[in-house]
Amino acid sequence: MPEKRRRNQVYCSNACSARASERRRKDGQPAPPRWQHPALTASDPVLRAAAHHAQELGQVGGWNPSTTRCVLDGLVTVLTDLPAGERVSLSEVRARPPRWVSRPRLVEVLTDLDLLHDEFAPAIRSWIDRVTSPFAPGFINPVRQWLLVLLNGDTRSRPRSASSIYVYFGCIRPFLDDWAVGYDHLVASEMRCKRERA
C-alpha cells in the first residue's frame, strides 16, 4: 500500500487477519497464542509476582483491560533493576511512569505487596495525631480513623492527597468543636443530629 493511506492499511490488516483465521480453521490448525504482557513472564520474580497480582486486582475490581496493561507498564518502569529487599518510593511512582499509567492503581498493587515506601506519610500522620489530640477520647478515635481512611483509602474509596485531607478536616472542624462542648462521644452527637432532623 502506498504511504499515507492509513484507512486502506487498517482495512488490509483486518481483512488479512480474518482470512488467515478462516484458513487456520479450515486446515484444523490451532490459533496462535494470545499476546501477554512481558511483565507476566519476566525473569525477575518480584516483577512477575507484582504483574500477576495487578492482573488479579484488575479482574476482581473490574478494571478496564487497558488500565491493567498500563499498570503493568508502570510496574515494569518502577520495578526493573530494583535492588533486592528495597521498596519503591512514592515520589518515584509519581514521577517515573508514563502519564497514562493510573497512579492510584499502581500504588494499590505496590502497597498490597509491601513494595511501596511512602516518604510523605510520617508528616501527615503526625499532623493527624496532633489535630485530633485536643478532642475528648470519644471523638479522637472516630475522627482519626476517618482521616486515616482518607489518607490510605479503602475498598470503596481511593486515597486522597494531603492537601485534600487538610481541606476536608478544615470544613468539619467547627462542627466537631461545637459538638465536643455538649457531648463526650461523637456517636451521641450524631444521634442528636438525627433526632433534630426528624
C-alpha atoms as a PDB file:
ATOM      1  CA  MET A   1       0.000   0.000   0.000  1.00  0.00           C
ATOM      2  CA  PRO A   2       1.258   3.493  -0.698  1.00  0.00           C
ATOM      3  CA  GLU A   3       2.250   5.602   2.287  1.00  0.00           C
ATOM      4  CA  LYS A   4      -0.272   7.937   3.932  1.00  0.00           C
ATOM      5  CA  ARG A   5      -3.167   5.597   3.109  1.00  0.00           C
ATOM      6  CA  ARG A   6      -3.901   4.675   6.705  1.00  0.00           C
ATOM      7  CA  ARG A   7      -7.523   3.667   6.143  1.00  0.00           C
ATOM      8  CA  ASN A   8      -6.549   1.170   3.459  1.00  0.00           C
ATOM      9  CA  GLN A   9      -3.732  -0.208   5.625  1.00  0.00           C
ATOM     10  CA  VAL A  10      -6.131  -0.775   8.507  1.00  0.00           C
ATOM     11  CA  TYR A  11      -8.670  -2.427   6.190  1.00  0.00           C
ATOM     12  CA  CYS A  12      -5.991  -4.646   4.667  1.00  0.00           C
ATOM     13  CA  SER A  13      -4.687  -5.630   8.097  1.00  0.00           C
ATOM     14  CA  ASN A  14      -8.153  -6.556   9.389  1.00  0.00           C
ATOM     15  CA  ALA A  15      -9.155  -8.373   6.188  1.00  0.00           C
ATOM     16  CA  CYS A  16      -5.898 -10.336   6.077  1.00  0.00           C
ATOM     17  CA  SER A  17      -6.239 -11.290   9.738  1.00  0.00           C
ATOM     18  CA  ALA A  18      -9.794 -12.543   9.162  1.00  0.00           C
ATOM     19  CA  ARG A  19      -8.714 -14.570   6.113  1.00  0.00           C
ATOM     20  CA  ALA A  20      -5.771 -16.073   7.990  1.00  0.00           C
ATOM     21  CA  SER A  21      -8.077 -17.052  10.860  1.00  0.00           C
ATOM     22  CA  GLU A  22     -10.539 -18.645   8.448  1.00  0.00           C
ATOM     23  CA  ARG A  23      -7.717 -20.560   6.699  1.00  0.00           C
ATOM     24  CA  ARG A  24      -6.457 -21.881  10.053  1.00  0.00           C
ATOM     25  CA  ARG A  25      -9.927 -23.132  10.972  1.00  0.00           C
ATOM     26  CA  LYS A  26     -10.304 -24.925   7.630  1.00  0.00           C
ATOM     27  CA  ASP A  27      -6.869 -26.547   7.968  1.00  0.00           C
ATOM     28  CA  GLY A  28      -7.539 -27.523  11.590  1.00  0.00           C
ATOM     29  CA  GLN A  29      -4.585 -25.510  12.881  1.00  0.00           C
ATOM     30  CA  PRO A  30      -4.700 -24.089  16.434  1.00  0.00           C
ATOM     31  CA  ALA A  31      -4.922 -20.346  16.900  1.00  0.00           C
ATOM     32  CA  PRO A  32      -1.631 -18.620  17.729  1.00  0.00           C
ATOM     33  CA  PRO A  33      -1.088 -17.892  21.428  1.00  0.00           C
ATOM     34  CA  ARG A  34      -2.582 -14.636  22.623  1.00  0.00           C
ATOM     35  CA  TRP A  35      -0.213 -11.790  23.351  1.00  0.00           C
ATOM     36  CA  GLN A  36       0.823 -11.482  27.006  1.00  0.00           C
ATOM     37  CA  HIS A  37       2.398  -8.508  28.676  1.00  0.00           C
ATOM     38  CA  PRO A  38       6.157  -9.152  29.140  1.00  0.00           C
ATOM     39  CA  ALA A  39       5.850  -8.406  32.872  1.00  0.00           C
ATOM     40  CA  LEU A  40       3.778 -11.579  33.345  1.00  0.00           C
ATOM     41  CA  THR A  41       6.699 -13.748  32.196  1.00  0.00           C
ATOM     42  CA  ALA A  42       9.572 -11.580  33.450  1.00  0.00           C
ATOM     43  CA  SER A  43      12.682 -13.268  34.829  1.00  0.00           C
ATOM     44  CA  ASP A  44      12.569 -11.004  37.910  1.00  0.00           C
ATOM     45  CA  PRO A  45      10.334 -12.832  40.455  1.00  0.00           C
ATOM     46  CA  VAL A  46       9.274  -9.587  42.175  1.00  0.00           C
ATOM     47  CA  LEU A  47       8.116  -8.006  38.913  1.00  0.00           C
ATOM     48  CA  ARG A  48       6.388 -11.232  37.833  1.00  0.00           C
ATOM     49  CA  ALA A  49       4.545 -11.548  41.177  1.00  0.00           C
ATOM     50  CA  ALA A  50       3.512  -7.880  41.071  1.00  0.00           C
ATOM     51  CA  ALA A  51       2.251  -8.270  37.486  1.00  0.00           C
ATOM     52  CA  HIS A  52       0.131 -11.309  38.371  1.00  0.00           C
ATOM     53  CA  HIS A  53      -1.234  -9.510  41.440  1.00  0.00           C
ATOM     54  CA  ALA A  54      -2.145  -6.495  39.293  1.00  0.00           C
ATOM     55  CA  GLN A  55      -3.938  -8.786  36.862  1.00  0.00           C
ATOM     56  CA  GLU A  56      -5.904 -10.383  39.729  1.00  0.00           C
ATOM     57  CA  LEU A  57      -6.826  -6.976  41.159  1.00  0.00           C
ATOM     58  CA  GLY A  58      -7.960  -5.875  37.707  1.00  0.00           C
ATOM     59  CA  GLN A  59     -10.234  -8.899  37.356  1.00  0.00           C
ATOM     60  CA  VAL A  60     -11.688  -8.567  40.863  1.00  0.00           C
ATOM     61  CA  GLY A  61     -12.038  -4.778  40.697  1.00  0.00           C
ATOM     62  CA  GLY A  62     -13.429  -4.691  37.157  1.00  0.00           C
ATOM     63  CA  TRP A  63     -10.595  -2.609  35.735  1.00  0.00           C
ATOM     64  CA  ASN A  64     -10.667  -1.795  32.060  1.00  0.00           C
ATOM     65  CA  PRO A  65      -8.178  -4.061  30.195  1.00  0.00           C
ATOM     66  CA  SER A  66      -6.249  -1.000  29.011  1.00  0.00           C
ATOM     67  CA  THR A  67      -5.960   0.191  32.646  1.00  0.00           C
ATOM     68  CA  THR A  68      -4.484  -3.178  33.618  1.00  0.00           C
ATOM     69  CA  ARG A  69      -1.990  -3.024  30.729  1.00  0.00           C
ATOM     70  CA  CYS A  70      -0.968   0.496  31.717  1.00  0.00           C
ATOM     71  CA  VAL A  71      -0.470  -0.568  35.353  1.00  0.00           C
ATOM     72  CA  LEU A  72       1.729  -3.426  34.119  1.00  0.00           C
ATOM     73  CA  ASP A  73       3.734  -0.875  32.112  1.00  0.00           C
ATOM     74  CA  GLY A  74       4.111   1.186  35.285  1.00  0.00           C
ATOM     75  CA  LEU A  75       5.290  -1.850  37.254  1.00  0.00           C
ATOM     76  CA  VAL A  76       7.963  -2.524  34.638  1.00  0.00           C
ATOM     77  CA  THR A  77       9.109   1.101  34.908  1.00  0.00           C
ATOM     78  CA  VAL A  78       9.409   1.218  38.697  1.00  0.00           C
ATOM     79  CA  LEU A  79      10.465  -2.370  39.491  1.00  0.00           C
ATOM     80  CA  THR A  80      13.050  -3.037  36.777  1.00  0.00           C
ATOM     81  CA  ASP A  81      16.567  -3.007  38.301  1.00  0.00           C
ATOM     82  CA  LEU A  82      15.152  -2.510  41.813  1.00  0.00           C
ATOM     83  CA  PRO A  83      17.731  -3.915  44.269  1.00  0.00           C
ATOM     84  CA  ALA A  84      16.592  -6.946  46.247  1.00  0.00           C
ATOM     85  CA  GLY A  85      14.858  -6.088  49.506  1.00  0.00           C
ATOM     86  CA  GLU A  86      14.280  -2.421  48.614  1.00  0.00           C
ATOM     87  CA  ARG A  87      10.955  -0.694  48.115  1.00  0.00           C
ATOM     88  CA  VAL A  88       9.804   1.879  45.574  1.00  0.00           C
ATOM     89  CA  SER A  89       9.375   5.403  46.941  1.00  0.00           C
ATOM     90  CA  LEU A  90       6.072   7.181  46.390  1.00  0.00           C
ATOM     91  CA  SER A  91       7.882  10.072  44.706  1.00  0.00           C
ATOM     92  CA  GLU A  92       9.202   7.636  42.061  1.00  0.00           C
ATOM     93  CA  VAL A  93       5.714   6.274  41.493  1.00  0.00           C
ATOM     94  CA  ARG A  94       4.500   9.823  40.921  1.00  0.00           C
ATOM     95  CA  ALA A  95       7.383  10.851  38.638  1.00  0.00           C
ATOM     96  CA  ARG A  96       8.731   7.902  36.628  1.00  0.00           C
ATOM     97  CA  PRO A  97       5.850   6.030  34.951  1.00  0.00           C
ATOM     98  CA  PRO A  98       4.323   7.458  31.753  1.00  0.00           C
ATOM     99  CA  ARG A  99       1.446   9.884  32.263  1.00  0.00           C
ATOM    100  CA  TRP A 100      -1.208   7.395  31.090  1.00  0.00           C
ATOM    101  CA  VAL A 101      -0.436   4.983  33.965  1.00  0.00           C
ATOM    102  CA  SER A 102      -3.030   5.125  36.767  1.00  0.00           C
ATOM    103  CA  ARG A 103      -1.052   6.169  39.853  1.00  0.00           C
ATOM    104  CA  PRO A 104      -3.725   5.077  42.401  1.00  0.00           C
ATOM    105  CA  ARG A 105      -3.920   1.593  40.835  1.00  0.00           C
ATOM    106  CA  LEU A 106      -0.137   1.306  40.758  1.00  0.00           C
ATOM    107  CA  VAL A 107       0.073   2.383  44.416  1.00  0.00           C
ATOM    108  CA  GLU A 108      -2.615  -0.174  45.299  1.00  0.00           C
ATOM    109  CA  VAL A 109      -0.604  -3.032  43.753  1.00  0.00           C
ATOM    110  CA  LEU A 110       2.682  -1.973  45.360  1.00  0.00           C
ATOM    111  CA  THR A 111       1.060  -1.412  48.769  1.00  0.00           C
ATOM    112  CA  ASP A 112      -0.578  -4.854  48.762  1.00  0.00           C
ATOM    113  CA  LEU A 113       2.832  -6.469  48.166  1.00  0.00           C
ATOM    114  CA  ASP A 114       4.625  -4.183  50.681  1.00  0.00           C
ATOM    115  CA  LEU A 115       6.790  -2.753  47.892  1.00  0.00           C
ATOM    116  CA  LEU A 116       5.913   0.915  48.464  1.00  0.00           C
ATOM    117  CA  HIS A 117       7.793   3.321  50.701  1.00  0.00           C
ATOM    118  CA  ASP A 118       5.672   6.403  51.381  1.00  0.00           C
ATOM    119  CA  GLU A 119       8.163   9.045  52.433  1.00  0.00           C
ATOM    120  CA  PHE A 120       5.357  11.613  52.780  1.00  0.00           C
ATOM    121  CA  ALA A 121       3.255   9.598  55.237  1.00  0.00           C
ATOM    122  CA  PRO A 122       5.073  10.455  58.503  1.00  0.00           C
ATOM    123  CA  ALA A 123       4.381  14.197  58.170  1.00  0.00           C
ATOM    124  CA  ILE A 124       0.671  13.805  57.502  1.00  0.00           C
ATOM    125  CA  ARG A 125       0.342  11.071  60.136  1.00  0.00           C
ATOM    126  CA  SER A 126       1.931  13.261  62.800  1.00  0.00           C
ATOM    127  CA  TRP A 127      -0.407  16.094  61.729  1.00  0.00           C
ATOM    128  CA  ILE A 128      -3.414  13.753  62.155  1.00  0.00           C
ATOM    129  CA  ASP A 129      -2.236  12.816  65.656  1.00  0.00           C
ATOM    130  CA  ARG A 130      -1.678  16.476  66.510  1.00  0.00           C
ATOM    131  CA  VAL A 131      -5.063  17.809  65.341  1.00  0.00           C
ATOM    132  CA  THR A 132      -7.088  15.002  66.910  1.00  0.00           C
ATOM    133  CA  SER A 133      -5.372  15.009  70.315  1.00  0.00           C
ATOM    134  CA  PRO A 134      -7.272  18.073  71.740  1.00  0.00           C
ATOM    135  CA  PHE A 135     -10.642  16.317  71.345  1.00  0.00           C
ATOM    136  CA  ALA A 136     -12.346  14.219  74.003  1.00  0.00           C
ATOM    137  CA  PRO A 137     -11.475  10.487  73.905  1.00  0.00           C
ATOM    138  CA  GLY A 138     -14.872   9.684  72.357  1.00  0.00           C
ATOM    139  CA  PHE A 139     -14.057  11.979  69.431  1.00  0.00           C
ATOM    140  CA  ILE A 140     -10.381  11.150  68.891  1.00  0.00           C
ATOM    141  CA  ASN A 141     -10.723   7.597  67.546  1.00  0.00           C
ATOM    142  CA  PRO A 142     -13.597   8.165  65.065  1.00  0.00           C
ATOM    143  CA  VAL A 143     -12.044  11.355  63.668  1.00  0.00           C
ATOM    144  CA  ARG A 144      -8.592   9.791  63.471  1.00  0.00           C
ATOM    145  CA  GLN A 145      -9.955   6.684  61.705  1.00  0.00           C
ATOM    146  CA  TRP A 146     -11.811   8.876  59.201  1.00  0.00           C
ATOM    147  CA  LEU A 147      -8.646  10.862  58.418  1.00  0.00           C
ATOM    148  CA  LEU A 148      -6.612   7.654  58.019  1.00  0.00           C
ATOM    149  CA  VAL A 149      -9.204   6.238  55.598  1.00  0.00           C
ATOM    150  CA  LEU A 150      -8.896   9.453  53.595  1.00  0.00           C
ATOM    151  CA  LEU A 151      -5.111   9.069  53.647  1.00  0.00           C
ATOM    152  CA  ASN A 152      -4.859   5.356  52.835  1.00  0.00           C
ATOM    153  CA  GLY A 153      -8.122   4.692  51.000  1.00  0.00           C
ATOM    154  CA  ASP A 154     -10.213   1.568  51.426  1.00  0.00           C
ATOM    155  CA  THR A 155     -12.279  -0.826  49.333  1.00  0.00           C
ATOM    156  CA  ARG A 156     -14.812   1.887  48.463  1.00  0.00           C
ATOM    157  CA  SER A 157     -12.604   4.966  48.003  1.00  0.00           C
ATOM    158  CA  ARG A 158      -9.185   5.858  46.689  1.00  0.00           C
ATOM    159  CA  PRO A 159      -6.502   7.570  48.819  1.00  0.00           C
ATOM    160  CA  ARG A 160      -6.740  11.361  48.976  1.00  0.00           C
ATOM    161  CA  SER A 161      -3.841  13.798  48.802  1.00  0.00           C
ATOM    162  CA  ALA A 162      -2.596  15.560  51.920  1.00  0.00           C
ATOM    163  CA  SER A 163      -3.967  18.904  50.691  1.00  0.00           C
ATOM    164  CA  SER A 164      -7.455  17.365  50.271  1.00  0.00           C
ATOM    165  CA  ILE A 165      -7.293  15.958  53.804  1.00  0.00           C
ATOM    166  CA  TYR A 166      -6.380  19.409  55.189  1.00  0.00           C
ATOM    167  CA  VAL A 167      -9.366  20.955  53.377  1.00  0.00           C
ATOM    168  CA  TYR A 168     -11.828  18.240  54.467  1.00  0.00           C
ATOM    169  CA  PHE A 169     -10.784  18.480  58.094  1.00  0.00           C
ATOM    170  CA  GLY A 170     -10.899  22.284  57.989  1.00  0.00           C
ATOM    171  CA  CYS A 171     -14.520  22.086  56.798  1.00  0.00           C
ATOM    172  CA  ILE A 172     -15.723  19.840  59.621  1.00  0.00           C
ATOM    173  CA  ARG A 173     -13.542  21.262  62.411  1.00  0.00           C
ATOM    174  CA  PRO A 174     -16.105  23.917  63.515  1.00  0.00           C
ATOM    175  CA  PHE A 175     -18.831  21.246  63.812  1.00  0.00           C
ATOM    176  CA  LEU A 176     -16.568  18.954  65.825  1.00  0.00           C
ATOM    177  CA  ASP A 177     -15.658  21.812  68.180  1.00  0.00           C
ATOM    178  CA  ASP A 178     -19.351  22.643  68.633  1.00  0.00           C
ATOM    179  CA  TRP A 179     -20.342  19.025  69.324  1.00  0.00           C
ATOM    180  CA  ALA A 180     -17.429  18.488  71.707  1.00  0.00           C
ATOM    181  CA  VAL A 181     -18.820  21.219  74.006  1.00  0.00           C
ATOM    182  CA  GLY A 182     -22.014  19.325  74.816  1.00  0.00           C
ATOM    183  CA  TYR A 183     -21.009  15.691  74.261  1.00  0.00           C
ATOM    184  CA  ASP A 184     -18.133  13.432  75.163  1.00  0.00           C
ATOM    185  CA  HIS A 185     -18.651  10.984  72.285  1.00  0.00           C
ATOM    186  CA  LEU A 186     -19.176  11.507  68.565  1.00  0.00           C
ATOM    187  CA  VAL A 187     -21.945   8.868  68.390  1.00  0.00           C
ATOM    188  CA  ALA A 188     -24.054  10.807  70.899  1.00  0.00           C
ATOM    189  CA  SER A 189     -23.745  13.978  68.816  1.00  0.00           C
ATOM    190  CA  GLU A 190     -24.774  12.046  65.677  1.00  0.00           C
ATOM    191  CA  MET A 191     -27.877  10.737  67.430  1.00  0.00           C
ATOM    192  CA  ARG A 192     -28.807  14.267  68.490  1.00  0.00           C
ATOM    193  CA  CYS A 193     -28.497  15.489  64.894  1.00  0.00           C
ATOM    194  CA  LYS A 194     -30.751  12.645  63.659  1.00  0.00           C
ATOM    195  CA  ARG A 195     -33.378  13.481  66.297  1.00  0.00           C
ATOM    196  CA  GLU A 196     -33.300  17.157  65.328  1.00  0.00           C
ATOM    197  CA  ARG A 197     -33.762  16.300  61.638  1.00  0.00           C
ATOM    198  CA  ALA A 198     -36.703  14.004  62.455  1.00  0.00           C
END
